[in-house]
Structures are given as structure tokens and as C-alpha cells.
PDB file of N, CA and C in Angstrom:
ATOM      1  N   MET A   1      27.153-148.034 -84.462  1.00  0.00           N
ATOM      2  CA  MET A   1      28.379-148.001 -84.828  1.00  0.00           C
ATOM      3  C   MET A   1      28.449-149.544 -83.621  1.00  0.00           C
ATOM      4  N   TRP A   2      29.922-150.615 -83.445  1.00  0.00           N
ATOM      5  CA  TRP A   2      29.534-151.625 -83.551  1.00  0.00           C
ATOM      6  C   TRP A   2      29.633-151.893 -81.649  1.00  0.00           C
ATOM      7  N   PRO A   3      28.582-153.233 -81.478  1.00  0.00           N
ATOM      8  CA  PRO A   3      29.432-153.370 -79.883  1.00  0.00           C
ATOM      9  C   PRO A   3      30.057-153.057 -79.169  1.00  0.00           C
ATOM     10  N   GLY A   4      30.569-152.396 -77.872  1.00  0.00           N
ATOM     11  CA  GLY A   4      30.878-152.109 -77.663  1.00  0.00           C
ATOM     12  C   GLY A   4      32.292-151.880 -77.758  1.00  0.00           C
ATOM     13  N   ALA A   5      32.264-150.469 -79.244  1.00  0.00           N
ATOM     14  CA  ALA A   5      32.985-149.842 -79.203  1.00  0.00           C
ATOM     15  C   ALA A   5      33.621-148.712 -78.889  1.00  0.00           C
ATOM     16  N   ARG A   6      32.878-148.218 -77.479  1.00  0.00           N
ATOM     17  CA  ARG A   6      33.638-147.072 -76.531  1.00  0.00           C
ATOM     18  C   ARG A   6      34.307-147.699 -75.935  1.00  0.00           C
ATOM     19  N   GLN A   7      33.983-149.160 -75.467  1.00  0.00           N
ATOM     20  CA  GLN A   7      34.859-149.832 -74.451  1.00  0.00           C
ATOM     21  C   GLN A   7      36.294-149.474 -75.370  1.00  0.00           C
ATOM     22  N   ARG A   8      36.196-149.985 -76.577  1.00  0.00           N
ATOM     23  CA  ARG A   8      37.316-150.241 -77.284  1.00  0.00           C
ATOM     24  C   ARG A   8      38.062-148.567 -77.795  1.00  0.00           C
ATOM     25  N   ARG A   9      37.377-148.308 -77.952  1.00  0.00           N
ATOM     26  CA  ARG A   9      37.517-145.714 -78.078  1.00  0.00           C
ATOM     27  C   ARG A   9      39.091-146.299 -78.776  1.00  0.00           C
ATOM     28  N   ALA A  10      39.786-146.150 -77.769  1.00  0.00           N
ATOM     29  CA  ALA A  10      40.952-145.593 -78.569  1.00  0.00           C
ATOM     30  C   ALA A  10      42.192-146.877 -79.943  1.00  0.00           C
ATOM     31  N   PRO A  11      42.170-148.035 -79.926  1.00  0.00           N
ATOM     32  CA  PRO A  11      42.299-148.901 -80.696  1.00  0.00           C
ATOM     33  C   PRO A  11      41.337-149.104 -82.641  1.00  0.00           C
ATOM     34  N   VAL A  12      39.689-148.109 -82.047  1.00  0.00           N
ATOM     35  CA  VAL A  12      39.212-147.977 -83.408  1.00  0.00           C
ATOM     36  C   VAL A  12      39.642-146.240 -83.906  1.00  0.00           C
ATOM     37  N   ALA A  13      39.980-145.849 -82.688  1.00  0.00           N
ATOM     38  CA  ALA A  13      40.775-144.513 -83.810  1.00  0.00           C
ATOM     39  C   ALA A  13      41.758-144.559 -83.670  1.00  0.00           C
ATOM     40  N   ALA A  14      42.560-144.982 -84.133  1.00  0.00           N
ATOM     41  CA  ALA A  14      44.432-145.319 -84.522  1.00  0.00           C
ATOM     42  C   ALA A  14      43.280-146.097 -85.499  1.00  0.00           C
ATOM     43  N   MET A  15      42.192-147.110 -86.197  1.00  0.00           N
ATOM     44  CA  MET A  15      42.036-147.330 -87.903  1.00  0.00           C
ATOM     45  C   MET A  15      41.410-146.549 -88.560  1.00  0.00           C
ATOM     46  N   LEU A  16      41.024-145.860 -87.254  1.00  0.00           N
ATOM     47  CA  LEU A  16      40.197-144.646 -88.941  1.00  0.00           C
ATOM     48  C   LEU A  16      41.742-143.196 -89.374  1.00  0.00           C
ATOM     49  N   PRO A  17      41.145-142.442 -90.056  1.00  0.00           N
ATOM     50  CA  PRO A  17      42.327-141.588 -91.357  1.00  0.00           C
ATOM     51  C   PRO A  17      43.002-140.894 -90.815  1.00  0.00           C
ATOM     52  N   HIS A  18      43.976-140.257 -90.724  1.00  0.00           N
ATOM     53  CA  HIS A  18      44.564-139.013 -90.253  1.00  0.00           C
ATOM     54  C   HIS A  18      43.562-138.023 -90.006  1.00  0.00           C
ATOM     55  N   GLY A  19      42.977-137.186 -88.970  1.00  0.00           N
ATOM     56  CA  GLY A  19      42.750-136.394 -89.128  1.00  0.00           C
ATOM     57  C   GLY A  19      40.905-136.564 -88.578  1.00  0.00           C
ATOM     58  N   ALA A  20      40.776-137.675 -89.185  1.00  0.00           N
ATOM     59  CA  ALA A  20      38.868-138.007 -88.730  1.00  0.00           C
ATOM     60  C   ALA A  20      38.615-137.793 -87.927  1.00  0.00           C
ATOM     61  N   VAL A  21      39.191-138.174 -86.522  1.00  0.00           N
ATOM     62  CA  VAL A  21      38.153-137.716 -84.810  1.00  0.00           C
ATOM     63  C   VAL A  21      38.316-136.266 -85.282  1.00  0.00           C
ATOM     64  N   ASP A  22      39.015-135.589 -85.232  1.00  0.00           N
ATOM     65  CA  ASP A  22      39.779-134.296 -85.510  1.00  0.00           C
ATOM     66  C   ASP A  22      38.092-133.714 -85.981  1.00  0.00           C
ATOM     67  N   ARG A  23      37.495-133.962 -87.843  1.00  0.00           N
ATOM     68  CA  ARG A  23      36.104-133.744 -88.238  1.00  0.00           C
ATOM     69  C   ARG A  23      35.183-134.103 -87.512  1.00  0.00           C
ATOM     70  N   ARG A  24      35.689-135.511 -87.118  1.00  0.00           N
ATOM     71  CA  ARG A  24      34.310-136.131 -86.059  1.00  0.00           C
ATOM     72  C   ARG A  24      33.668-135.271 -85.128  1.00  0.00           C
ATOM     73  N   GLU A  25      34.971-134.601 -84.530  1.00  0.00           N
ATOM     74  CA  GLU A  25      35.000-133.626 -83.251  1.00  0.00           C
ATOM     75  C   GLU A  25      33.975-132.652 -83.580  1.00  0.00           C
ATOM     76  N   ARG A  26      34.537-132.010 -84.975  1.00  0.00           N
ATOM     77  CA  ARG A  26      34.045-130.512 -85.329  1.00  0.00           C
ATOM     78  C   ARG A  26      32.680-130.319 -85.297  1.00  0.00           C
ATOM     79  N   TRP A  27      31.740-131.717 -86.145  1.00  0.00           N
ATOM     80  CA  TRP A  27      31.244-131.910 -86.567  1.00  0.00           C
ATOM     81  C   TRP A  27      30.594-132.031 -85.071  1.00  0.00           C
ATOM     82  N   ALA A  28      30.192-132.873 -84.441  1.00  0.00           N
ATOM     83  CA  ALA A  28      29.825-133.472 -83.479  1.00  0.00           C
ATOM     84  C   ALA A  28      29.508-132.042 -82.029  1.00  0.00           C
ATOM     85  N   ASN A  29      30.199-130.732 -82.175  1.00  0.00           N
ATOM     86  CA  ASN A  29      30.742-129.710 -82.214  1.00  0.00           C
ATOM     87  C   ASN A  29      29.228-128.725 -82.523  1.00  0.00           C
ATOM     88  N   ASN A  30      29.605-128.926 -84.066  1.00  0.00           N
ATOM     89  CA  ASN A  30      28.075-128.030 -84.593  1.00  0.00           C
ATOM     90  C   ASN A  30      27.178-128.918 -84.598  1.00  0.00           C
ATOM     91  N   LEU A  31      26.331-129.746 -84.396  1.00  0.00           N
ATOM     92  CA  LEU A  31      25.793-131.329 -84.271  1.00  0.00           C
ATOM     93  C   LEU A  31      25.008-129.961 -83.348  1.00  0.00           C
ATOM     94  N   ARG A  32      25.295-130.004 -82.479  1.00  0.00           N
ATOM     95  CA  ARG A  32      25.465-129.422 -80.336  1.00  0.00           C
ATOM     96  C   ARG A  32      24.365-128.593 -80.575  1.00  0.00           C
ATOM     97  N   ALA A  33      25.707-127.559 -81.572  1.00  0.00           N
ATOM     98  CA  ALA A  33      25.058-125.670 -81.855  1.00  0.00           C
ATOM     99  C   ALA A  33      24.036-125.527 -82.095  1.00  0.00           C
ATOM    100  N   ARG A  34      23.815-126.093 -83.134  1.00  0.00           N
ATOM    101  CA  ARG A  34      23.010-126.284 -84.460  1.00  0.00           C
ATOM    102  C   ARG A  34      21.787-126.933 -84.092  1.00  0.00           C
ATOM    103  N   HIS A  35      21.124-127.563 -83.270  1.00  0.00           N
ATOM    104  CA  HIS A  35      20.046-128.344 -83.407  1.00  0.00           C
ATOM    105  C   HIS A  35      19.970-129.354 -81.883  1.00  0.00           C
ATOM    106  N   PRO A  36      18.799-129.249 -81.584  1.00  0.00           N
ATOM    107  CA  PRO A  36      18.144-129.368 -80.751  1.00  0.00           C
ATOM    108  C   PRO A  36      18.511-130.810 -79.889  1.00  0.00           C
ATOM    109  N   LEU A  37      17.982-131.919 -80.718  1.00  0.00           N
ATOM    110  CA  LEU A  37      18.972-132.874 -80.261  1.00  0.00           C
ATOM    111  C   LEU A  37      20.024-133.148 -80.334  1.00  0.00           C
ATOM    112  N   GLY A  38      21.241-132.340 -80.597  1.00  0.00           N
ATOM    113  CA  GLY A  38      22.741-132.315 -81.409  1.00  0.00           C
ATOM    114  C   GLY A  38      22.561-132.610 -79.112  1.00  0.00           C
ATOM    115  N   ASP A  39      22.984-131.773 -78.649  1.00  0.00           N
ATOM    116  CA  ASP A  39      22.770-131.691 -76.973  1.00  0.00           C
ATOM    117  C   ASP A  39      21.684-132.596 -76.076  1.00  0.00           C
ATOM    118  N   ILE A  40      22.185-134.251 -76.193  1.00  0.00           N
ATOM    119  CA  ILE A  40      20.605-135.266 -76.197  1.00  0.00           C
ATOM    120  C   ILE A  40      20.465-134.400 -73.929  1.00  0.00           C
ATOM    121  N   HIS A  41      20.989-134.465 -73.697  1.00  0.00           N
ATOM    122  CA  HIS A  41      21.029-134.509 -72.047  1.00  0.00           C
ATOM    123  C   HIS A  41      20.401-132.930 -71.600  1.00  0.00           C
ATOM    124  N   THR A  42      20.671-131.290 -72.501  1.00  0.00           N
ATOM    125  CA  THR A  42      19.861-130.690 -71.975  1.00  0.00           C
ATOM    126  C   THR A  42      18.233-131.127 -72.451  1.00  0.00           C
ATOM    127  N   PHE A  43      18.337-131.432 -73.575  1.00  0.00           N
ATOM    128  CA  PHE A  43      17.148-131.249 -74.410  1.00  0.00           C
ATOM    129  C   PHE A  43      15.903-132.412 -73.159  1.00  0.00           C
ATOM    130  N   ALA A  44      16.605-133.372 -72.647  1.00  0.00           N
ATOM    131  CA  ALA A  44      16.234-134.597 -71.688  1.00  0.00           C
ATOM    132  C   ALA A  44      16.012-133.608 -70.794  1.00  0.00           C
ATOM    133  N   GLY A  45      16.001-132.449 -70.115  1.00  0.00           N
ATOM    134  CA  GLY A  45      16.548-131.916 -68.758  1.00  0.00           C
ATOM    135  C   GLY A  45      17.220-131.821 -67.571  1.00  0.00           C
ATOM    136  N   PHE A  46      18.000-132.600 -67.877  1.00  0.00           N
ATOM    137  CA  PHE A  46      18.920-133.191 -66.985  1.00  0.00           C
ATOM    138  C   PHE A  46      19.380-131.482 -66.269  1.00  0.00           C
ATOM    139  N   ASP A  47      19.941-130.277 -67.026  1.00  0.00           N
ATOM    140  CA  ASP A  47      19.892-129.284 -66.202  1.00  0.00           C
ATOM    141  C   ASP A  47      19.002-128.501 -65.395  1.00  0.00           C
ATOM    142  N   GLN A  48      17.898-128.754 -65.687  1.00  0.00           N
ATOM    143  CA  GLN A  48      16.812-128.189 -64.933  1.00  0.00           C
ATOM    144  C   GLN A  48      16.809-129.817 -64.168  1.00  0.00           C
ATOM    145  N   VAL A  49      16.831-130.274 -63.736  1.00  0.00           N
ATOM    146  CA  VAL A  49      17.312-131.492 -62.772  1.00  0.00           C
ATOM    147  C   VAL A  49      18.449-131.441 -61.926  1.00  0.00           C
ATOM    148  N   ARG A  50      19.669-130.567 -62.495  1.00  0.00           N
ATOM    149  CA  ARG A  50      19.945-130.068 -61.731  1.00  0.00           C
ATOM    150  C   ARG A  50      20.305-129.069 -60.972  1.00  0.00           C
ATOM    151  N   ALA A  51      19.102-128.358 -61.537  1.00  0.00           N
ATOM    152  CA  ALA A  51      19.410-126.713 -61.163  1.00  0.00           C
ATOM    153  C   ALA A  51      17.984-127.413 -59.886  1.00  0.00           C
ATOM    154  N   TRP A  52      17.052-127.812 -60.150  1.00  0.00           N
ATOM    155  CA  TRP A  52      16.791-128.276 -58.454  1.00  0.00           C
ATOM    156  C   TRP A  52      16.981-129.241 -57.782  1.00  0.00           C
ATOM    157  N   GLU A  53      17.830-130.201 -57.689  1.00  0.00           N
ATOM    158  CA  GLU A  53      18.653-130.193 -56.903  1.00  0.00           C
ATOM    159  C   GLU A  53      19.647-128.957 -55.608  1.00  0.00           C
ATOM    160  N   GLU A  54      20.368-128.078 -57.276  1.00  0.00           N
ATOM    161  CA  GLU A  54      20.701-127.032 -56.091  1.00  0.00           C
ATOM    162  C   GLU A  54      20.050-126.319 -55.198  1.00  0.00           C
ATOM    163  N   GLU A  55      18.798-126.356 -55.418  1.00  0.00           N
ATOM    164  CA  GLU A  55      17.719-125.367 -54.819  1.00  0.00           C
ATOM    165  C   GLU A  55      17.436-126.911 -53.728  1.00  0.00           C
ATOM    166  N   PHE A  56      16.994-127.277 -53.317  1.00  0.00           N
ATOM    167  CA  PHE A  56      16.678-127.792 -52.798  1.00  0.00           C
ATOM    168  C   PHE A  56      16.805-128.910 -51.490  1.00  0.00           C
ATOM    169  N   LEU A  57      18.173-129.492 -52.778  1.00  0.00           N
ATOM    170  CA  LEU A  57      19.070-130.686 -51.474  1.00  0.00           C
ATOM    171  C   LEU A  57      19.185-129.282 -51.134  1.00  0.00           C
ATOM    172  N   PRO A  58      20.677-130.365 -50.159  1.00  0.00           N
ATOM    173  CA  PRO A  58      21.623-130.039 -49.271  1.00  0.00           C
ATOM    174  C   PRO A  58      22.927-129.892 -49.835  1.00  0.00           C
ATOM    175  N   VAL A  59      23.687-129.096 -49.750  1.00  0.00           N
ATOM    176  CA  VAL A  59      24.935-128.724 -49.392  1.00  0.00           C
ATOM    177  C   VAL A  59      26.449-129.958 -50.467  1.00  0.00           C
ATOM    178  N   GLU A  60      25.899-130.920 -49.487  1.00  0.00           N
ATOM    179  CA  GLU A  60      26.616-132.248 -49.009  1.00  0.00           C
ATOM    180  C   GLU A  60      26.299-133.542 -49.835  1.00  0.00           C
ATOM    181  N   ASP A  61      25.050-133.234 -50.175  1.00  0.00           N
ATOM    182  CA  ASP A  61      23.911-134.376 -51.101  1.00  0.00           C
ATOM    183  C   ASP A  61      25.137-133.598 -52.578  1.00  0.00           C
ATOM    184  N   LEU A  62      25.468-132.345 -52.462  1.00  0.00           N
ATOM    185  CA  LEU A  62      25.538-132.040 -54.168  1.00  0.00           C
ATOM    186  C   LEU A  62      27.051-132.468 -54.808  1.00  0.00           C
ATOM    187  N   GLU A  63      27.649-132.559 -53.435  1.00  0.00           N
ATOM    188  CA  GLU A  63      29.592-133.483 -53.824  1.00  0.00           C
ATOM    189  C   GLU A  63      28.989-134.212 -54.561  1.00  0.00           C
ATOM    190  N   LYS A  64      28.248-135.231 -55.015  1.00  0.00           N
ATOM    191  CA  LYS A  64      28.374-136.620 -55.943  1.00  0.00           C
ATOM    192  C   LYS A  64      28.364-135.695 -57.270  1.00  0.00           C
ATOM    193  N   TYR A  65      28.563-134.211 -57.692  1.00  0.00           N
ATOM    194  CA  TYR A  65      28.928-134.305 -58.645  1.00  0.00           C
ATOM    195  C   TYR A  65      30.124-133.278 -58.569  1.00  0.00           C
ATOM    196  N   GLU A  66      31.060-132.966 -58.317  1.00  0.00           N
ATOM    197  CA  GLU A  66      33.025-132.849 -57.906  1.00  0.00           C
ATOM    198  C   GLU A  66      32.930-133.821 -58.975  1.00  0.00           C
ATOM    199  N   ALA A  67      33.293-134.817 -58.765  1.00  0.00           N
ATOM    200  CA  ALA A  67      34.446-135.933 -59.671  1.00  0.00           C
ATOM    201  C   ALA A  67      33.548-136.600 -60.473  1.00  0.00           C
ATOM    202  N   SER A  68      32.114-136.166 -60.291  1.00  0.00           N
ATOM    203  CA  SER A  68      31.405-137.099 -62.366  1.00  0.00           C
ATOM    204  C   SER A  68      31.637-136.853 -62.977  1.00  0.00           C
ATOM    205  N   VAL A  69      31.619-137.296 -64.247  1.00  0.00           N
ATOM    206  CA  VAL A  69      32.276-136.636 -65.404  1.00  0.00           C
ATOM    207  C   VAL A  69      30.754-137.259 -66.327  1.00  0.00           C
ATOM    208  N   GLY A  70      31.544-136.974 -67.970  1.00  0.00           N
ATOM    209  CA  GLY A  70      30.222-137.145 -68.319  1.00  0.00           C
ATOM    210  C   GLY A  70      28.858-135.459 -68.502  1.00  0.00           C
ATOM    211  N   HIS A  71      27.893-135.528 -68.722  1.00  0.00           N
ATOM    212  CA  HIS A  71      27.336-133.940 -69.052  1.00  0.00           C
ATOM    213  C   HIS A  71      27.344-133.409 -67.533  1.00  0.00           C
ATOM    214  N   GLN A  72      27.736-132.433 -67.970  1.00  0.00           N
ATOM    215  CA  GLN A  72      27.947-131.482 -66.548  1.00  0.00           C
ATOM    216  C   GLN A  72      26.585-130.381 -67.109  1.00  0.00           C
ATOM    217  N   PRO A  73      26.177-129.685 -66.412  1.00  0.00           N
ATOM    218  CA  PRO A  73      24.662-129.110 -67.119  1.00  0.00           C
ATOM    219  C   PRO A  73      25.768-127.941 -66.490  1.00  0.00           C
ATOM    220  N   ALA A  74      25.804-125.974 -66.710  1.00  0.00           N
ATOM    221  CA  ALA A  74      26.292-124.980 -65.617  1.00  0.00           C
ATOM    222  C   ALA A  74      25.871-124.821 -64.411  1.00  0.00           C
ATOM    223  N   ARG A  75      27.363-124.472 -63.882  1.00  0.00           N
ATOM    224  CA  ARG A  75      26.650-124.491 -62.750  1.00  0.00           C
ATOM    225  C   ARG A  75      25.859-123.064 -62.219  1.00  0.00           C
ATOM    226  N   GLN A  76      25.387-122.538 -61.077  1.00  0.00           N
ATOM    227  CA  GLN A  76      24.841-121.128 -60.683  1.00  0.00           C
ATOM    228  C   GLN A  76      26.845-120.043 -60.614  1.00  0.00           C
ATOM    229  N   GLY A  77      26.626-119.443 -61.129  1.00  0.00           N
ATOM    230  CA  GLY A  77      27.178-118.479 -61.651  1.00  0.00           C
ATOM    231  C   GLY A  77      28.795-118.909 -62.461  1.00  0.00           C
ATOM    232  N   GLN A  78      29.133-120.280 -62.947  1.00  0.00           N
ATOM    233  CA  GLN A  78      29.652-121.120 -63.731  1.00  0.00           C
ATOM    234  C   GLN A  78      29.306-121.100 -64.645  1.00  0.00           C
ATOM    235  N   ARG A  79      29.999-120.749 -66.181  1.00  0.00           N
ATOM    236  CA  ARG A  79      29.663-121.282 -67.872  1.00  0.00           C
ATOM    237  C   ARG A  79      29.842-122.694 -67.776  1.00  0.00           C
ATOM    238  N   GLY A  80      28.947-123.023 -68.291  1.00  0.00           N
ATOM    239  CA  GLY A  80      28.376-124.532 -68.872  1.00  0.00           C
ATOM    240  C   GLY A  80      30.085-124.679 -69.691  1.00  0.00           C
ATOM    241  N   PRO A  81      29.947-125.713 -70.416  1.00  0.00           N
ATOM    242  CA  PRO A  81      31.185-125.849 -72.180  1.00  0.00           C
ATOM    243  C   PRO A  81      30.174-125.546 -72.856  1.00  0.00           C
ATOM    244  N   ALA A  82      31.123-125.109 -74.000  1.00  0.00           N
ATOM    245  CA  ALA A  82      30.420-124.545 -74.985  1.00  0.00           C
ATOM    246  C   ALA A  82      30.135-125.721 -76.114  1.00  0.00           C
TER     247      ALA A  82
END
């Protein structure tokens, strides 16, 4: 991808043919479901780190996740993103 393209997502997406964004999203979801590296964050162990934090850190230290964006491992008693 071009340098800085993530910061210019909307203009880049506007240049794509109609439906290309949806096709890319379906492709990415399919990759995540079928390939171990499709979900690189889980593959790297972030879910396990989150479980350790929930087990050993005080609740106030976990509040940082309430407003965070990006990879959100499933919380205890909750289902993660499909």
C-alpha cells in the first residue's frame, strides 16, 4: 500500500470502483476466518495478554480498554467480533 494511505482512507476508497470496498472487506473477513495470520493480533497473543491483565490487574487499570479502538479481544462473559 502507498505510504500514508491509512490516513487518506476516504479519498483512496472514493477512487476505487463501485463495490470494491465491500469486496475487500469480504475478502479480509474470509482470510481472518481461514488463515492463522488472518487475525495477526490473536496470532501474536494479544488475547492471552488481555486475559492475564484481567486476571492480575486491578479493575481501574482495565478502564483503558473502554474507549480504545483496534483489536478488542473477547472479554470474559462476552463474545468477541466475528
